Amino acid sequence: MAHALSRLGLSVTVFCGGAKQPTVLHEDKDLRVLRMPMARVPPRVVFFQLQNLSLLKSVLPYYDVVHTQHSSGSLYGIIKKKVGKPWVVSFHDHQLRRLLMFFDVKPWNLTMSDTMFYAFAYPIFEALTRMELKWADHYVACGRSGLMDYLNFSKMDPRKVTLIPNGVNLGRIDSILNSSDVEGKSGRSDLVLFTCGRWYASKGIQFLIRAMPYVKKRFNNVRLKVFGKGPMRPYFERLIHSLKLEGTVRLEGLVPYDRLILEMSDSDLAVFPSMIEVGASLAVMEAMACRKPLIAFEYPFSLEIIKHMRTGVLVPPKNVEALGERICYLLSDEALRKRIGRNAREDVVRNHDVKNIALKYVEVYASVLS
């Protein structure tokens, strides 16, 4: 989004962690990145802000609008009066929704990191949310399902919120695809499933792995590639071993973005069994941009981006057998996969091109400045 805004002529600076000392990187003529120190002390989202509060107080007066992501800039409320700049906050999935998922999946099936993030951190995120709702000048909801949660759970003021769905950088994806031969499927004869995301329980990858024995019974040449990283890796490894899927499921880990897009495009089918998203997730939109047929669990956030049997296939949540059946259904019909993939591409171009989404943010900035 920062790149898209800068290409519209806005001067944008992204504040983030990743440096021992404050360091400025010039990404483009109108885009800078200011990397700041980040203590690895949980909850990092709070200590990062406290650690850099004096720096932010000194530099933010030189900007016109301060735009933060939910919880990552909540403490701006403390210095907002001194800085004197309007504040816009983008809200993603609600912390209560994460907590409900935690108990739904059953805590004993999760890692300690999952427990820390979904349960122990809940009161912290709740306090940060209240600060943002109290002091921010305008809110952006990045998905309709997330918006409904904030309206219902946190009594967000509907007069101060704008719904702006996530967008995807189609130009960058097309550039990656055009620079490599992806039409020949690398000369392979097997069937490849693709999934990616943070390896937390909420992404539901454990359900996809459990569905693979059903798929393998019908398609012996099927493989699943799992991209990402996170605390669930040991659990995934044990699950793969117990189901005797060592030759079928590969944990690929983190890879550069270009390779991720090429792997996505080279696959036959993308599966995203997530249980929590704000709305249209970036990974889903990237798969659609690559003309991939995709499968997801049927949650409200999935319905915002996937039209069943037109731009993707929806499955009852956490139903491993149904997930396996739908995967086999699509793998058995190449013509259907291609048709769904074409429809998905058309839909994401029409509704989620980041260049058009950026214009909506410009309207929000103009409104708070006026």
Protein backbone atom coordinates (compact mmCIF):
# COMPACT_ATOMS: atom_id res chain seq x y z
CA MET A 1 0.00 0.00 0.00
CA ALA A 2 2.86 2.37 0.80
CA HIS A 3 4.27 1.87 -2.71
CA ALA A 4 0.85 2.48 -4.27
CA LEU A 5 0.35 5.69 -2.29
CA SER A 6 3.81 6.99 -3.17
CA ARG A 7 3.13 6.38 -6.87
CA LEU A 8 0.12 8.68 -6.54
CA GLY A 9 2.51 11.45 -5.55
CA LEU A 10 2.14 11.24 -1.76
CA SER A 11 5.30 11.47 0.30
CA VAL A 12 5.18 8.33 2.48
CA THR A 13 7.40 7.18 5.34
CA VAL A 14 6.95 3.70 6.81
CA PHE A 15 8.00 3.35 10.45
CA CYS A 16 8.98 -0.17 11.48
CA GLY A 17 11.48 -2.22 13.48
CA GLY A 18 14.57 -4.08 12.37
CA ALA A 19 17.53 -1.81 13.21
CA LYS A 20 19.83 -1.31 16.18
CA GLN A 21 19.83 2.42 15.54
CA PRO A 22 17.24 4.51 13.66
CA THR A 23 18.03 4.06 9.98
CA VAL A 24 16.38 5.68 6.95
CA LEU A 25 16.14 3.73 3.67
CA HIS A 26 15.02 5.40 0.45
CA GLU A 27 12.82 2.91 -1.41
CA ASP A 28 11.68 5.39 -4.06
CA LYS A 29 11.47 9.12 -4.75
CA ASP A 30 8.43 9.51 -2.50
CA LEU A 31 8.86 6.47 -0.26
CA ARG A 32 11.14 6.13 2.74
CA VAL A 33 11.44 3.45 5.40
CA LEU A 34 12.52 4.42 8.90
CA ARG A 35 13.73 1.34 10.74
CA MET A 36 13.83 1.67 14.51
CA PRO A 37 15.09 -0.50 17.38
CA MET A 38 12.78 -3.28 18.56
CA ALA A 39 13.33 -5.01 21.88
CA ARG A 40 12.46 -8.70 21.73
CA VAL A 41 10.43 -8.48 24.92
CA PRO A 42 6.80 -9.64 24.88
CA PRO A 43 4.47 -8.04 24.16
CA ARG A 44 6.76 -6.60 21.49
CA VAL A 45 4.00 -4.47 19.99
CA VAL A 46 3.90 -2.44 23.23
CA PHE A 47 7.61 -2.28 24.06
CA PHE A 48 8.46 -1.30 20.47
CA GLN A 49 6.26 1.76 20.81
CA LEU A 50 7.53 2.66 24.28
CA GLN A 51 11.12 2.23 23.15
CA ASN A 52 10.67 4.70 20.28
CA LEU A 53 8.11 7.10 21.73
CA SER A 54 10.52 10.04 22.12
CA LEU A 55 11.79 9.57 18.56
CA LEU A 56 8.25 9.50 17.21
CA LYS A 57 7.37 12.61 19.21
CA SER A 58 10.24 14.49 17.55
CA VAL A 59 9.67 13.44 13.91
CA LEU A 60 5.90 13.03 13.52
CA PRO A 61 5.15 16.79 13.60
CA TYR A 62 6.74 17.01 10.14
CA TYR A 63 3.99 14.83 8.61
CA ASP A 64 0.40 15.69 7.72
CA VAL A 65 -1.34 12.44 8.69
CA VAL A 66 -0.36 9.59 11.01
CA HIS A 67 -1.74 6.24 9.82
CA THR A 68 -1.13 3.17 12.01
CA GLN A 69 -2.12 -0.47 11.93
CA HIS A 70 -4.27 -1.80 14.78
CA SER A 71 -2.22 -2.14 18.00
CA SER A 72 1.14 -1.33 16.35
CA GLY A 73 0.72 2.42 16.86
CA SER A 74 -1.80 2.65 19.68
CA LEU A 75 0.46 4.71 21.93
CA TYR A 76 0.35 7.58 19.46
CA GLY A 77 -2.73 8.56 21.42
CA ILE A 78 -0.45 9.53 24.31
CA ILE A 79 1.53 12.03 22.21
CA LYS A 80 -1.21 12.99 19.73
CA LYS A 81 -2.03 16.28 21.44
CA LYS A 82 1.63 17.37 21.41
CA VAL A 83 2.25 16.19 17.83
CA GLY A 84 -1.02 17.73 16.63
CA LYS A 85 -1.57 15.54 13.57
CA PRO A 86 -4.76 13.64 12.63
CA TRP A 87 -4.71 9.92 13.29
CA VAL A 88 -6.10 7.14 11.10
CA VAL A 89 -6.11 3.51 12.30
CA SER A 90 -6.58 0.42 10.12
CA PHE A 91 -8.37 -2.38 11.98
CA HIS A 92 -7.93 -6.05 11.14
CA ASP A 93 -9.33 -9.12 12.91
CA HIS A 94 -10.74 -8.53 16.38
CA GLN A 95 -8.94 -9.88 19.46
CA LEU A 96 -12.16 -11.39 20.85
CA ARG A 97 -12.62 -13.33 17.61
CA ARG A 98 -9.08 -14.69 18.08
CA LEU A 99 -9.87 -15.66 21.67
CA LEU A 100 -13.06 -17.47 20.62
CA MET A 101 -11.08 -19.36 17.98
CA PHE A 102 -8.53 -20.32 20.65
CA PHE A 103 -11.18 -22.12 22.72
CA ASP A 104 -12.92 -23.53 19.64
CA VAL A 105 -9.76 -25.26 18.44
CA LYS A 106 -9.06 -26.45 22.02
CA PRO A 107 -6.03 -25.05 23.83
CA TRP A 108 -4.32 -28.40 24.39
CA ASN A 109 -3.91 -28.75 20.61
CA LEU A 110 -1.99 -25.47 20.39
CA THR A 111 1.55 -24.31 21.06
CA MET A 112 2.60 -22.02 23.89
CA SER A 113 3.09 -19.24 21.32
CA ASP A 114 -0.52 -19.66 20.21
CA THR A 115 -1.63 -19.51 23.84
CA MET A 116 0.41 -16.36 24.46
CA PHE A 117 -0.94 -14.62 21.36
CA TYR A 118 -4.59 -15.61 21.49
CA ALA A 119 -5.27 -15.87 25.22
CA PHE A 120 -2.71 -14.15 27.43
CA ALA A 121 -2.35 -11.16 25.09
CA TYR A 122 -6.11 -10.62 24.84
CA PRO A 123 -6.39 -7.99 27.63
CA ILE A 124 -3.43 -6.09 26.16
CA PHE A 125 -4.97 -5.92 22.69
CA GLU A 126 -8.31 -5.00 24.26
CA ALA A 127 -6.71 -2.04 26.05
CA LEU A 128 -4.90 -0.92 22.87
CA THR A 129 -8.16 -1.11 20.93
CA ARG A 130 -9.92 1.12 23.44
CA MET A 131 -7.13 3.70 23.15
CA GLU A 132 -7.43 3.75 19.37
CA LEU A 133 -11.21 4.00 19.38
CA LYS A 134 -11.04 6.85 21.88
CA TRP A 135 -8.34 9.01 20.30
CA ALA A 136 -8.18 8.22 16.57
CA ASP A 137 -9.84 10.67 14.17
CA HIS A 138 -10.92 8.00 11.68
CA TYR A 139 -10.92 4.23 11.37
CA VAL A 140 -10.43 2.00 8.33
CA ALA A 141 -11.92 -1.51 8.45
CA CYS A 142 -9.99 -3.81 6.11
CA GLY A 143 -12.88 -6.25 5.76
CA ARG A 144 -16.63 -6.38 6.31
CA SER A 145 -16.51 -9.32 8.75
CA GLY A 146 -13.86 -7.54 10.82
CA LEU A 147 -15.93 -4.36 10.75
CA MET A 148 -18.98 -6.19 12.09
CA ASP A 149 -16.90 -7.58 14.95
CA TYR A 150 -15.66 -4.13 15.95
CA LEU A 151 -19.16 -2.70 15.74
CA ASN A 152 -20.58 -5.52 17.87
CA PHE A 153 -17.74 -6.25 20.29
CA SER A 154 -16.16 -2.81 20.74
CA LYS A 155 -19.05 -0.47 19.86
CA MET A 156 -16.99 1.25 17.17
CA ASP A 157 -18.59 4.52 16.05
CA PRO A 158 -19.94 3.78 12.52
CA ARG A 159 -19.76 7.49 11.66
CA LYS A 160 -15.97 7.43 11.94
CA VAL A 161 -15.22 4.28 9.94
CA THR A 162 -14.64 3.59 6.25
CA LEU A 163 -14.64 0.07 4.82
CA ILE A 164 -11.65 -0.38 2.49
CA PRO A 165 -10.84 -3.97 1.49
CA ASN A 166 -7.28 -5.16 1.10
CA GLY A 167 -5.64 -4.75 -2.27
CA VAL A 168 -2.98 -6.68 -4.16
CA ASN A 169 -0.12 -5.41 -6.31
CA LEU A 170 -1.10 -6.90 -9.65
CA GLY A 171 1.70 -5.14 -11.49
CA ARG A 172 4.37 -6.77 -9.36
CA ILE A 173 2.79 -10.21 -9.61
CA ASP A 174 2.45 -9.95 -13.39
CA SER A 175 6.05 -8.81 -13.66
CA ILE A 176 7.23 -11.87 -11.72
CA LEU A 177 5.11 -14.22 -13.82
CA ASN A 178 6.15 -12.63 -17.11
CA SER A 179 9.82 -12.95 -16.22
CA SER A 180 9.61 -16.73 -15.89
CA ASP A 181 8.13 -19.60 -17.90
CA VAL A 182 5.32 -20.86 -15.70
CA GLU A 183 3.11 -22.34 -18.39
CA GLY A 184 4.91 -25.65 -18.65
CA LYS A 185 4.35 -26.59 -14.99
CA SER A 186 8.11 -27.19 -14.78
CA GLY A 187 7.70 -30.29 -16.95
CA ARG A 188 6.26 -32.25 -14.01
CA SER A 189 3.63 -34.98 -14.08
CA ASP A 190 2.49 -34.80 -10.45
CA LEU A 191 -0.30 -32.70 -8.92
CA VAL A 192 0.79 -29.94 -6.57
CA LEU A 193 -1.25 -28.26 -3.85
CA PHE A 194 -0.07 -24.92 -2.47
CA THR A 195 -0.66 -23.19 0.85
CA CYS A 196 1.13 -20.43 2.72
CA GLY A 197 0.77 -18.33 5.85
CA ARG A 198 2.06 -17.95 9.37
CA TRP A 199 2.30 -21.32 11.04
CA TYR A 200 -0.17 -20.56 13.81
CA ALA A 201 -3.24 -22.66 14.62
CA SER A 202 -5.58 -19.98 13.25
CA LYS A 203 -4.33 -20.62 9.71
CA GLY A 204 -5.80 -24.13 9.83
CA ILE A 205 -2.93 -25.83 8.00
CA GLN A 206 -3.26 -28.78 10.38
CA PHE A 207 -6.67 -29.55 8.83
CA LEU A 208 -5.19 -29.53 5.34
CA ILE A 209 -2.43 -31.94 6.38
CA ARG A 210 -5.03 -34.24 7.95
CA ALA A 211 -6.99 -34.18 4.68
CA MET A 212 -4.03 -35.38 2.61
CA PRO A 213 -4.49 -39.14 3.28
CA TYR A 214 -7.99 -38.86 1.72
CA VAL A 215 -6.52 -37.13 -1.32
CA LYS A 216 -3.59 -39.52 -1.61
CA LYS A 217 -5.91 -42.53 -1.78
CA ARG A 218 -7.29 -41.19 -5.06
CA PHE A 219 -4.28 -39.30 -6.42
CA ASN A 220 -1.08 -41.10 -5.57
CA ASN A 221 0.97 -38.47 -7.42
CA VAL A 222 -0.27 -35.53 -5.31
CA ARG A 223 2.07 -33.31 -3.27
CA LEU A 224 1.43 -30.49 -0.82
CA LYS A 225 3.87 -27.61 -0.41
CA VAL A 226 3.53 -25.54 2.76
CA PHE A 227 5.25 -22.13 2.84
CA GLY A 228 5.75 -19.94 5.89
CA LYS A 229 7.12 -20.23 9.41
CA GLY A 230 5.86 -20.23 12.98
CA PRO A 231 5.54 -22.13 16.24
CA MET A 232 3.36 -24.91 14.79
CA ARG A 233 6.26 -26.43 12.83
CA PRO A 234 7.08 -29.19 15.39
CA TYR A 235 3.38 -30.08 15.52
CA PHE A 236 3.22 -30.24 11.70
CA GLU A 237 6.31 -32.45 11.59
CA ARG A 238 4.82 -34.89 14.11
CA LEU A 239 1.50 -34.90 12.24
CA ILE A 240 3.18 -35.59 8.90
CA HIS A 241 5.15 -38.45 10.45
CA SER A 242 2.14 -40.00 12.19
CA LEU A 243 0.12 -39.93 8.94
CA LYS A 244 3.08 -41.31 6.93
CA LEU A 245 3.06 -38.31 4.62
CA GLU A 246 6.83 -37.64 4.52
CA GLY A 247 6.93 -38.07 0.75
CA THR A 248 3.72 -36.13 0.18
CA VAL A 249 3.84 -33.01 2.38
CA ARG A 250 6.84 -30.68 2.32
CA LEU A 251 7.35 -27.84 4.80
CA GLU A 252 9.14 -25.36 2.55
CA GLY A 253 9.58 -22.61 5.13
CA LEU A 254 10.03 -18.94 4.25
CA VAL A 255 11.10 -18.12 0.70
CA PRO A 256 11.61 -14.84 -1.21
CA TYR A 257 8.42 -13.25 -2.50
CA ASP A 258 9.26 -13.85 -6.16
CA ARG A 259 9.70 -17.57 -5.58
CA LEU A 260 6.49 -17.71 -3.54
CA ILE A 261 4.50 -16.25 -6.43
CA LEU A 262 6.15 -18.62 -8.94
CA GLU A 263 5.43 -21.63 -6.72
CA MET A 264 1.85 -20.46 -6.34
CA SER A 265 1.45 -20.09 -10.10
CA ASP A 266 3.12 -23.45 -10.79
CA SER A 267 0.69 -25.31 -8.51
CA ASP A 268 -2.55 -26.95 -9.61
CA LEU A 269 -4.62 -25.79 -6.66
CA ALA A 270 -4.28 -23.37 -3.73
CA VAL A 271 -5.83 -24.20 -0.36
CA PHE A 272 -6.27 -21.65 2.46
CA PRO A 273 -8.04 -23.28 5.45
CA SER A 274 -7.73 -20.21 7.69
CA MET A 275 -10.17 -19.71 10.56
CA ILE A 276 -9.51 -16.00 11.10
CA GLU A 277 -8.99 -13.20 8.57
CA VAL A 278 -10.04 -9.59 8.45
CA GLY A 279 -11.69 -10.10 5.07
CA ALA A 280 -9.96 -10.73 1.77
CA SER A 281 -6.52 -12.04 2.74
CA LEU A 282 -3.44 -11.10 0.71
CA ALA A 283 -2.51 -14.73 0.07
CA VAL A 284 -5.96 -15.52 -1.32
CA MET A 285 -5.87 -12.47 -3.59
CA GLU A 286 -2.37 -13.32 -4.79
CA ALA A 287 -3.54 -16.83 -5.72
CA MET A 288 -6.49 -15.35 -7.58
CA ALA A 289 -4.14 -12.98 -9.41
CA CYS A 290 -2.16 -16.06 -10.48
CA ARG A 291 -5.38 -17.59 -11.89
CA LYS A 292 -5.36 -20.36 -9.30
CA PRO A 293 -8.54 -22.19 -8.31
CA LEU A 294 -8.68 -22.13 -4.54
CA ILE A 295 -10.40 -23.80 -1.64
CA ALA A 296 -11.18 -22.21 1.73
CA PHE A 297 -13.31 -22.80 4.80
CA GLU A 298 -16.70 -21.10 4.64
CA TYR A 299 -16.45 -18.25 7.13
CA PRO A 300 -17.91 -14.74 6.71
CA PHE A 301 -14.50 -13.38 5.71
CA SER A 302 -14.21 -16.03 2.97
CA LEU A 303 -17.56 -15.01 1.50
CA GLU A 304 -16.20 -11.49 1.00
CA ILE A 305 -13.73 -12.70 -1.64
CA ILE A 306 -14.84 -16.18 -2.78
CA LYS A 307 -18.01 -16.89 -4.74
CA HIS A 308 -18.63 -20.62 -4.38
CA MET A 309 -17.96 -22.56 -7.59
CA ARG A 310 -17.24 -19.34 -9.48
CA THR A 311 -14.05 -17.86 -8.00
CA GLY A 312 -13.28 -20.69 -5.60
CA VAL A 313 -14.72 -23.57 -3.60
CA LEU A 314 -15.93 -23.28 -0.01
CA VAL A 315 -15.85 -26.10 2.55
CA PRO A 316 -17.61 -26.44 5.94
CA PRO A 317 -15.14 -25.20 8.58
CA LYS A 318 -12.73 -27.74 10.07
CA ASN A 319 -14.36 -30.63 8.17
CA VAL A 320 -11.32 -32.67 7.15
CA GLU A 321 -13.23 -35.24 5.10
CA ALA A 322 -15.16 -32.56 3.17
CA LEU A 323 -11.91 -30.70 2.56
CA GLY A 324 -10.33 -33.83 1.12
CA GLU A 325 -13.38 -34.49 -1.07
CA ARG A 326 -13.40 -30.94 -2.50
CA ILE A 327 -9.69 -31.12 -3.25
CA CYS A 328 -10.22 -34.39 -5.14
CA TYR A 329 -13.21 -32.88 -6.94
CA LEU A 330 -11.12 -30.03 -8.34
CA LEU A 331 -8.06 -32.16 -9.07
CA SER A 332 -10.23 -34.47 -11.18
CA ASP A 333 -11.53 -31.64 -13.41
CA GLU A 334 -8.86 -29.56 -15.12
CA ALA A 335 -11.38 -27.58 -17.18
CA LEU A 336 -13.21 -26.52 -14.02
CA ARG A 337 -9.94 -25.50 -12.39
CA LYS A 338 -9.07 -23.30 -15.36
CA ARG A 339 -12.53 -21.71 -15.45
CA ILE A 340 -12.47 -20.91 -11.73
CA GLY A 341 -8.94 -19.56 -12.06
CA ARG A 342 -9.96 -17.20 -14.89
CA ASN A 343 -12.97 -15.97 -12.93
CA ALA A 344 -10.80 -15.42 -9.85
CA ARG A 345 -8.34 -13.31 -11.84
CA GLU A 346 -11.12 -11.17 -13.29
CA ASP A 347 -12.64 -10.63 -9.85
CA VAL A 348 -9.41 -9.56 -8.15
CA VAL A 349 -8.55 -7.20 -11.04
CA ARG A 350 -11.99 -5.63 -10.82
CA ASN A 351 -12.24 -5.29 -7.03
CA HIS A 352 -8.81 -5.51 -5.40
CA ASP A 353 -6.21 -3.76 -7.57
CA VAL A 354 -4.05 -1.90 -5.04
CA LYS A 355 -3.86 1.15 -7.33
CA ASN A 356 -7.62 1.64 -6.97
CA ILE A 357 -7.62 0.78 -3.27
CA ALA A 358 -4.96 3.45 -2.65
CA LEU A 359 -7.29 6.13 -4.02
CA LYS A 360 -9.78 5.30 -1.26
CA TYR A 361 -7.10 5.91 1.36
CA VAL A 362 -6.34 9.28 -0.22
CA GLU A 363 -10.01 10.19 0.25
CA VAL A 364 -9.78 9.28 3.95
CA TYR A 365 -6.64 11.38 4.41
CA ALA A 366 -8.30 14.33 2.72
CA SER A 367 -11.34 14.00 4.97
CA VAL A 368 -9.33 14.09 8.23
CA LEU A 369 -7.25 17.02 7.00
CA SER A 370 -10.36 19.02 6.15
